[in-house]
């Protein structure tokens, strides 16, 4: 099975102990090298799109990872999620019902107040982005009206808004698609993730075999068997790292 649209939310490992500790309390993080070893290239169609989440801390790493998976980044700003507090909807709707929000300036003030205030060495962060990368000729968009910015309330830790998935469906239409590092079972998608209740595939990390210099003086390390198999199928992995 190959996929034309791959939607991924990698479990980035922060170098900052506080940030990484907070993430680790909720889900297992992975080093960049470990994420690269997942053979995403083996499940991607010859012409495919990768839509991948990253934060500002990992812009360079996100490009590096996309390239390692066999994709070329086209835009770092496919989608931008503006995070609102969990109770933002209720408070704004109550202000509208009670008519304490009178004009446009009141609305902008309320929206600013409900925008999450995260940490940051410069300005306080309140957004995450999805890059778009392509393999081969990529995919033709079927809708030219899909917008970049998504305003949505936060869910559980690291949970991303379903609206982005909906917009990807609108953007590319009915194509074979999979969500990697998934936690759910959204209809119309295949899923893979260590916290997912049911995986449609197994991703077997790449392995490496050392070649003696006498056999090949130019190639010292050869990538081994990169394999993605249907969940539950038998597979052979050689040359374990």
C-alpha atoms as a PDB file:
ATOM      1  CA  UNK A   1       0.000   0.000   0.000  1.00  0.00           C
ATOM      2  CA  UNK A   2       1.359   3.421  -0.946  1.00  0.00           C
ATOM      3  CA  UNK A   3      -0.037   6.762   0.146  1.00  0.00           C
ATOM      4  CA  UNK A   4      -0.427   9.965  -1.829  1.00  0.00           C
ATOM      5  CA  UNK A   5      -0.983  12.140   1.236  1.00  0.00           C
ATOM      6  CA  UNK A   6       1.032  11.649   4.427  1.00  0.00           C
ATOM      7  CA  UNK A   7       0.066  13.725   7.469  1.00  0.00           C
ATOM      8  CA  UNK A   8       2.576  13.595  10.330  1.00  0.00           C
ATOM      9  CA  UNK A   9       2.999  15.035  13.814  1.00  0.00           C
ATOM     10  CA  UNK A  10       6.504  13.905  14.876  1.00  0.00           C
ATOM     11  CA  UNK A  11       7.214  13.609  18.627  1.00  0.00           C
ATOM     12  CA  UNK A  12      10.090  16.105  18.605  1.00  0.00           C
ATOM     13  CA  UNK A  13      12.585  15.810  21.456  1.00  0.00           C
ATOM     14  CA  UNK A  14      13.366  19.219  22.940  1.00  0.00           C
ATOM     15  CA  UNK A  15      16.885  20.083  24.070  1.00  0.00           C
ATOM     16  CA  UNK A  16      15.345  22.321  26.724  1.00  0.00           C
ATOM     17  CA  UNK A  17      14.856  20.058  29.756  1.00  0.00           C
ATOM     18  CA  UNK A  18      11.714  21.843  30.916  1.00  0.00           C
ATOM     19  CA  UNK A  19      10.008  21.645  27.510  1.00  0.00           C
ATOM     20  CA  UNK A  20      11.153  18.086  26.876  1.00  0.00           C
ATOM     21  CA  UNK A  21      10.085  17.027  30.345  1.00  0.00           C
ATOM     22  CA  UNK A  22       6.629  18.489  29.808  1.00  0.00           C
ATOM     23  CA  UNK A  23       6.284  16.636  26.508  1.00  0.00           C
ATOM     24  CA  UNK A  24       7.650  13.415  27.975  1.00  0.00           C
ATOM     25  CA  UNK A  25       5.025  13.502  30.707  1.00  0.00           C
ATOM     26  CA  UNK A  26       2.346  13.072  28.047  1.00  0.00           C
ATOM     27  CA  UNK A  27       3.886  11.054  25.185  1.00  0.00           C
ATOM     28  CA  UNK A  28       7.134   9.386  24.144  1.00  0.00           C
ATOM     29  CA  UNK A  29       9.509  11.702  22.316  1.00  0.00           C
ATOM     30  CA  UNK A  30      12.082  10.592  19.726  1.00  0.00           C
ATOM     31  CA  UNK A  31      15.444  11.940  18.600  1.00  0.00           C
ATOM     32  CA  UNK A  32      15.686  13.352  15.098  1.00  0.00           C
ATOM     33  CA  UNK A  33      17.882  10.447  13.992  1.00  0.00           C
ATOM     34  CA  UNK A  34      15.342   7.913  15.254  1.00  0.00           C
ATOM     35  CA  UNK A  35      12.496   9.660  13.429  1.00  0.00           C
ATOM     36  CA  UNK A  36      14.589   9.718  10.239  1.00  0.00           C
ATOM     37  CA  UNK A  37      14.984   5.944  10.466  1.00  0.00           C
ATOM     38  CA  UNK A  38      11.254   5.397  10.064  1.00  0.00           C
ATOM     39  CA  UNK A  39      10.946   4.338   6.398  1.00  0.00           C
ATOM     40  CA  UNK A  40       8.274   6.799   5.368  1.00  0.00           C
ATOM     41  CA  UNK A  41       9.762   6.816   1.860  1.00  0.00           C
ATOM     42  CA  UNK A  42       8.698   3.190   1.467  1.00  0.00           C
ATOM     43  CA  UNK A  43       4.994   3.952   1.972  1.00  0.00           C
ATOM     44  CA  UNK A  44       4.910   7.144  -0.116  1.00  0.00           C
ATOM     45  CA  UNK A  45       3.552   7.043  -3.665  1.00  0.00           C
ATOM     46  CA  UNK A  46       5.861   8.151  -6.475  1.00  0.00           C
ATOM     47  CA  UNK A  47       3.998  11.458  -6.465  1.00  0.00           C
ATOM     48  CA  UNK A  48       2.961  12.365  -2.943  1.00  0.00           C
ATOM     49  CA  UNK A  49       2.559  15.193  -0.443  1.00  0.00           C
ATOM     50  CA  UNK A  50       3.846  15.335   3.131  1.00  0.00           C
ATOM     51  CA  UNK A  51       2.026  17.671   5.533  1.00  0.00           C
ATOM     52  CA  UNK A  52       4.048  17.798   8.757  1.00  0.00           C
ATOM     53  CA  UNK A  53       3.679  19.655  12.044  1.00  0.00           C
ATOM     54  CA  UNK A  54       6.594  21.481  13.614  1.00  0.00           C
ATOM     55  CA  UNK A  55       7.198  24.319  16.060  1.00  0.00           C
ATOM     56  CA  UNK A  56       9.546  27.248  15.530  1.00  0.00           C
ATOM     57  CA  UNK A  57      12.226  25.440  17.530  1.00  0.00           C
ATOM     58  CA  UNK A  58      12.391  22.719  14.889  1.00  0.00           C
ATOM     59  CA  UNK A  59      12.189  24.530  11.554  1.00  0.00           C
ATOM     60  CA  UNK A  60      15.614  23.318  10.352  1.00  0.00           C
ATOM     61  CA  UNK A  61      15.061  19.836  11.730  1.00  0.00           C
ATOM     62  CA  UNK A  62      11.685  19.646   9.990  1.00  0.00           C
ATOM     63  CA  UNK A  63      13.276  20.397   6.610  1.00  0.00           C
ATOM     64  CA  UNK A  64      16.020  17.853   7.311  1.00  0.00           C
ATOM     65  CA  UNK A  65      13.470  15.205   8.250  1.00  0.00           C
ATOM     66  CA  UNK A  66      11.326  15.818   5.170  1.00  0.00           C
ATOM     67  CA  UNK A  67      14.419  15.404   2.998  1.00  0.00           C
ATOM     68  CA  UNK A  68      15.426  12.214   4.805  1.00  0.00           C
ATOM     69  CA  UNK A  69      11.978  10.806   4.051  1.00  0.00           C
ATOM     70  CA  UNK A  70      12.405  11.643   0.361  1.00  0.00           C
ATOM     71  CA  UNK A  71      10.431  14.902   0.116  1.00  0.00           C
ATOM     72  CA  UNK A  72      11.270  18.447  -0.953  1.00  0.00           C
ATOM     73  CA  UNK A  73       9.795  21.248   1.139  1.00  0.00           C
ATOM     74  CA  UNK A  74       7.648  23.683  -0.850  1.00  0.00           C
ATOM     75  CA  UNK A  75       6.346  25.894   1.956  1.00  0.00           C
ATOM     76  CA  UNK A  76       6.926  26.100   5.694  1.00  0.00           C
ATOM     77  CA  UNK A  77       3.509  27.716   6.101  1.00  0.00           C
ATOM     78  CA  UNK A  78       0.979  25.290   4.670  1.00  0.00           C
ATOM     79  CA  UNK A  79      -1.136  25.792   7.776  1.00  0.00           C
ATOM     80  CA  UNK A  80      -0.704  27.922  10.886  1.00  0.00           C
ATOM     81  CA  UNK A  81      -2.695  27.018  13.972  1.00  0.00           C
ATOM     82  CA  UNK A  82      -3.450  29.941  16.298  1.00  0.00           C
ATOM     83  CA  UNK A  83      -4.063  28.313  19.667  1.00  0.00           C
ATOM     84  CA  UNK A  84      -6.947  29.463  21.819  1.00  0.00           C
ATOM     85  CA  UNK A  85      -7.556  28.512  25.446  1.00  0.00           C
ATOM     86  CA  UNK A  86      -9.746  25.491  26.056  1.00  0.00           C
ATOM     87  CA  UNK A  87     -12.656  27.577  27.377  1.00  0.00           C
ATOM     88  CA  UNK A  88     -12.409  30.330  24.749  1.00  0.00           C
ATOM     89  CA  UNK A  89     -15.542  29.303  22.853  1.00  0.00           C
ATOM     90  CA  UNK A  90     -17.720  29.369  25.952  1.00  0.00           C
ATOM     91  CA  UNK A  91     -16.445  32.738  27.160  1.00  0.00           C
ATOM     92  CA  UNK A  92     -16.798  34.422  23.757  1.00  0.00           C
ATOM     93  CA  UNK A  93     -20.292  32.995  23.186  1.00  0.00           C
ATOM     94  CA  UNK A  94     -21.319  34.160  26.669  1.00  0.00           C
ATOM     95  CA  UNK A  95     -20.026  37.671  25.938  1.00  0.00           C
ATOM     96  CA  UNK A  96     -22.033  37.726  22.726  1.00  0.00           C
ATOM     97  CA  UNK A  97     -25.185  36.483  24.463  1.00  0.00           C
ATOM     98  CA  UNK A  98     -24.824  39.013  27.278  1.00  0.00           C
ATOM     99  CA  UNK A  99     -23.970  41.757  24.751  1.00  0.00           C
ATOM    100  CA  UNK A 100     -20.802  42.729  26.576  1.00  0.00           C
ATOM    101  CA  UNK A 101     -19.043  42.398  23.229  1.00  0.00           C
ATOM    102  CA  UNK A 102     -20.372  45.379  21.299  1.00  0.00           C
ATOM    103  CA  UNK A 103     -18.134  46.115  18.329  1.00  0.00           C
ATOM    104  CA  UNK A 104     -15.267  44.809  16.236  1.00  0.00           C
ATOM    105  CA  UNK A 105     -12.629  46.175  18.635  1.00  0.00           C
ATOM    106  CA  UNK A 106     -14.270  44.243  21.469  1.00  0.00           C
ATOM    107  CA  UNK A 107     -14.117  41.096  19.369  1.00  0.00           C
ATOM    108  CA  UNK A 108     -10.405  41.611  18.574  1.00  0.00           C
ATOM    109  CA  UNK A 109      -9.669  42.263  22.246  1.00  0.00           C
ATOM    110  CA  UNK A 110     -11.496  39.072  23.226  1.00  0.00           C
ATOM    111  CA  UNK A 111      -9.681  37.060  20.554  1.00  0.00           C
ATOM    112  CA  UNK A 112      -6.318  38.390  21.757  1.00  0.00           C
ATOM    113  CA  UNK A 113      -7.193  37.629  25.373  1.00  0.00           C
ATOM    114  CA  UNK A 114      -8.175  34.060  24.485  1.00  0.00           C
ATOM    115  CA  UNK A 115      -5.007  33.412  22.470  1.00  0.00           C
ATOM    116  CA  UNK A 116      -2.702  31.077  24.385  1.00  0.00           C
ATOM    117  CA  UNK A 117       0.425  32.600  25.921  1.00  0.00           C
ATOM    118  CA  UNK A 118       3.212  30.046  25.775  1.00  0.00           C
ATOM    119  CA  UNK A 119       6.879  30.566  26.535  1.00  0.00           C
ATOM    120  CA  UNK A 120       9.390  32.204  24.235  1.00  0.00           C
ATOM    121  CA  UNK A 121      12.793  33.861  24.317  1.00  0.00           C
ATOM    122  CA  UNK A 122      11.513  36.761  22.227  1.00  0.00           C
ATOM    123  CA  UNK A 123       7.747  37.024  21.705  1.00  0.00           C
ATOM    124  CA  UNK A 124       5.414  34.615  23.496  1.00  0.00           C
ATOM    125  CA  UNK A 125       4.546  31.699  21.253  1.00  0.00           C
ATOM    126  CA  UNK A 126       0.939  30.830  20.468  1.00  0.00           C
ATOM    127  CA  UNK A 127       1.036  29.005  17.136  1.00  0.00           C
ATOM    128  CA  UNK A 128       2.257  25.867  15.385  1.00  0.00           C
ATOM    129  CA  UNK A 129       2.817  25.312  11.689  1.00  0.00           C
ATOM    130  CA  UNK A 130       2.407  22.587   9.079  1.00  0.00           C
ATOM    131  CA  UNK A 131       4.927  22.463   6.246  1.00  0.00           C
ATOM    132  CA  UNK A 132       4.045  21.079   2.834  1.00  0.00           C
ATOM    133  CA  UNK A 133       6.638  18.952   1.023  1.00  0.00           C
ATOM    134  CA  UNK A 134       6.367  16.950  -2.181  1.00  0.00           C
ATOM    135  CA  UNK A 135       7.745  13.797  -3.675  1.00  0.00           C
ATOM    136  CA  UNK A 136       7.839  13.534  -7.450  1.00  0.00           C
ATOM    137  CA  UNK A 137       5.246  15.876  -8.938  1.00  0.00           C
ATOM    138  CA  UNK A 138       3.263  16.073  -5.698  1.00  0.00           C
ATOM    139  CA  UNK A 139      -0.532  16.330  -5.894  1.00  0.00           C
ATOM    140  CA  UNK A 140      -2.807  18.650  -7.785  1.00  0.00           C
ATOM    141  CA  UNK A 141      -5.015  20.677  -5.494  1.00  0.00           C
ATOM    142  CA  UNK A 142      -8.705  20.239  -6.103  1.00  0.00           C
ATOM    143  CA  UNK A 143      -9.744  23.368  -4.200  1.00  0.00           C
ATOM    144  CA  UNK A 144      -8.213  26.829  -4.453  1.00  0.00           C
ATOM    145  CA  UNK A 145     -10.174  28.189  -1.477  1.00  0.00           C
ATOM    146  CA  UNK A 146      -8.402  26.411   1.408  1.00  0.00           C
ATOM    147  CA  UNK A 147      -6.983  28.993   3.814  1.00  0.00           C
ATOM    148  CA  UNK A 148      -3.780  28.776   5.825  1.00  0.00           C
ATOM    149  CA  UNK A 149      -4.714  30.111   9.262  1.00  0.00           C
ATOM    150  CA  UNK A 150      -6.727  27.954  11.670  1.00  0.00           C
ATOM    151  CA  UNK A 151      -8.110  29.356  14.939  1.00  0.00           C
ATOM    152  CA  UNK A 152      -8.935  26.495  17.274  1.00  0.00           C
ATOM    153  CA  UNK A 153      -8.987  25.714  20.973  1.00  0.00           C
ATOM    154  CA  UNK A 154      -6.339  23.493  22.488  1.00  0.00           C
ATOM    155  CA  UNK A 155      -7.249  19.886  23.207  1.00  0.00           C
ATOM    156  CA  UNK A 156      -5.216  17.319  25.102  1.00  0.00           C
ATOM    157  CA  UNK A 157      -1.445  17.802  25.264  1.00  0.00           C
ATOM    158  CA  UNK A 158      -0.006  17.918  21.684  1.00  0.00           C
ATOM    159  CA  UNK A 159      -3.435  17.152  20.174  1.00  0.00           C
ATOM    160  CA  UNK A 160      -3.853  18.940  16.854  1.00  0.00           C
ATOM    161  CA  UNK A 161      -7.115  20.456  15.573  1.00  0.00           C
ATOM    162  CA  UNK A 162      -9.223  18.212  13.364  1.00  0.00           C
ATOM    163  CA  UNK A 163      -9.844  21.238  11.151  1.00  0.00           C
ATOM    164  CA  UNK A 164      -6.398  20.837   9.582  1.00  0.00           C
ATOM    165  CA  UNK A 165      -7.230  17.283   8.548  1.00  0.00           C
ATOM    166  CA  UNK A 166     -10.523  18.483   7.083  1.00  0.00           C
ATOM    167  CA  UNK A 167      -8.741  21.185   5.100  1.00  0.00           C
ATOM    168  CA  UNK A 168      -6.223  18.679   3.741  1.00  0.00           C
ATOM    169  CA  UNK A 169      -9.122  16.546   2.547  1.00  0.00           C
ATOM    170  CA  UNK A 170     -10.625  19.595   0.836  1.00  0.00           C
ATOM    171  CA  UNK A 171      -7.274  20.621  -0.643  1.00  0.00           C
ATOM    172  CA  UNK A 172      -6.356  17.275  -2.195  1.00  0.00           C
ATOM    173  CA  UNK A 173      -9.646  15.427  -2.480  1.00  0.00           C
ATOM    174  CA  UNK A 174     -10.102  11.668  -2.451  1.00  0.00           C
ATOM    175  CA  UNK A 175      -6.553  10.300  -2.394  1.00  0.00           C
ATOM    176  CA  UNK A 176      -4.903   7.482  -0.446  1.00  0.00           C
ATOM    177  CA  UNK A 177      -3.866   9.034   2.855  1.00  0.00           C
ATOM    178  CA  UNK A 178      -2.362   8.135   6.209  1.00  0.00           C
ATOM    179  CA  UNK A 179      -1.802   9.917   9.502  1.00  0.00           C
ATOM    180  CA  UNK A 180       1.526   9.117  11.190  1.00  0.00           C
ATOM    181  CA  UNK A 181       2.030   9.359  14.969  1.00  0.00           C
ATOM    182  CA  UNK A 182      -1.752   9.207  15.118  1.00  0.00           C
ATOM    183  CA  UNK A 183      -3.791   8.800  18.297  1.00  0.00           C
ATOM    184  CA  UNK A 184      -7.179   8.305  16.713  1.00  0.00           C
ATOM    185  CA  UNK A 185      -9.136   6.692  13.966  1.00  0.00           C
ATOM    186  CA  UNK A 186     -10.477   9.514  11.788  1.00  0.00           C
ATOM    187  CA  UNK A 187     -12.653   8.104   9.024  1.00  0.00           C
ATOM    188  CA  UNK A 188     -11.184   8.068   5.535  1.00  0.00           C
ATOM    189  CA  UNK A 189      -7.593   7.814   6.758  1.00  0.00           C
ATOM    190  CA  UNK A 190      -5.196   5.017   7.560  1.00  0.00           C
ATOM    191  CA  UNK A 191      -3.320   5.439  10.826  1.00  0.00           C
ATOM    192  CA  UNK A 192      -0.025   4.556  12.473  1.00  0.00           C
ATOM    193  CA  UNK A 193       1.254   5.494  15.929  1.00  0.00           C
ATOM    194  CA  UNK A 194       2.389   3.886  19.160  1.00  0.00           C
ATOM    195  CA  UNK A 195      -0.581   5.425  21.006  1.00  0.00           C
ATOM    196  CA  UNK A 196      -3.109   4.512  18.338  1.00  0.00           C
ATOM    197  CA  UNK A 197      -5.714   1.863  19.227  1.00  0.00           C
ATOM    198  CA  UNK A 198      -5.440   0.277  15.776  1.00  0.00           C
ATOM    199  CA  UNK A 199      -2.632   0.605  13.229  1.00  0.00           C
ATOM    200  CA  UNK A 200      -3.169  -0.035   9.534  1.00  0.00           C
ATOM    201  CA  UNK A 201       0.550  -0.611   8.901  1.00  0.00           C
ATOM    202  CA  UNK A 202       3.734  -1.365  10.797  1.00  0.00           C
ATOM    203  CA  UNK A 203       6.700   0.921  10.211  1.00  0.00           C
ATOM    204  CA  UNK A 204       9.909  -1.042  10.766  1.00  0.00           C
ATOM    205  CA  UNK A 205      12.893   1.246  11.497  1.00  0.00           C
ATOM    206  CA  UNK A 206      15.706   1.187   8.965  1.00  0.00           C
ATOM    207  CA  UNK A 207      18.744  -0.964   9.778  1.00  0.00           C
ATOM    208  CA  UNK A 208      22.360  -0.537   8.808  1.00  0.00           C
ATOM    209  CA  UNK A 209      25.169  -2.909   7.845  1.00  0.00           C
ATOM    210  CA  UNK A 210      28.853  -2.044   7.926  1.00  0.00           C
ATOM    211  CA  UNK A 211      30.810  -2.938   4.777  1.00  0.00           C
ATOM    212  CA  UNK A 212      34.493  -3.809   5.247  1.00  0.00           C
ATOM    213  CA  UNK A 213      36.690  -1.201   3.524  1.00  0.00           C
ATOM    214  CA  UNK A 214      38.398  -3.975   1.583  1.00  0.00           C
ATOM    215  CA  UNK A 215      35.094  -4.675  -0.170  1.00  0.00           C
ATOM    216  CA  UNK A 216      34.203  -1.078  -0.873  1.00  0.00           C
ATOM    217  CA  UNK A 217      36.631   1.720  -0.046  1.00  0.00           C
ATOM    218  CA  UNK A 218      34.115   4.461  -0.856  1.00  0.00           C
ATOM    219  CA  UNK A 219      30.980   3.220   0.878  1.00  0.00           C
ATOM    220  CA  UNK A 220      31.444   2.578   4.575  1.00  0.00           C
ATOM    221  CA  UNK A 221      27.820   2.265   5.628  1.00  0.00           C
ATOM    222  CA  UNK A 222      24.969   0.843   3.564  1.00  0.00           C
ATOM    223  CA  UNK A 223      21.346   1.424   4.432  1.00  0.00           C
ATOM    224  CA  UNK A 224      19.791  -1.987   5.007  1.00  0.00           C
ATOM    225  CA  UNK A 225      16.280  -3.343   4.619  1.00  0.00           C
ATOM    226  CA  UNK A 226      13.712  -0.550   4.833  1.00  0.00           C
ATOM    227  CA  UNK A 227      10.370  -2.160   5.162  1.00  0.00           C
ATOM    228  CA  UNK A 228       6.795  -1.112   5.756  1.00  0.00           C
ATOM    229  CA  UNK A 229       4.373  -4.001   5.985  1.00  0.00           C
ATOM    230  CA  UNK A 230       0.678  -4.453   6.536  1.00  0.00           C
ATOM    231  CA  UNK A 231      -0.049  -4.747  10.240  1.00  0.00           C
ATOM    232  CA  UNK A 232       0.049  -8.369  11.360  1.00  0.00           C
ATOM    233  CA  UNK A 233       2.074  -9.581   8.376  1.00  0.00           C
ATOM    234  CA  UNK A 234       5.287 -11.530   8.729  1.00  0.00           C
ATOM    235  CA  UNK A 235       8.448  -9.722   7.763  1.00  0.00           C
ATOM    236  CA  UNK A 236      12.201 -10.343   7.783  1.00  0.00           C
ATOM    237  CA  UNK A 237      14.607  -7.764   9.174  1.00  0.00           C
ATOM    238  CA  UNK A 238      18.315  -8.295   8.659  1.00  0.00           C
ATOM    239  CA  UNK A 239      21.433  -6.514   9.872  1.00  0.00           C
ATOM    240  CA  UNK A 240      20.001  -5.120  13.076  1.00  0.00           C
ATOM    241  CA  UNK A 241      21.577  -1.877  14.144  1.00  0.00           C
END
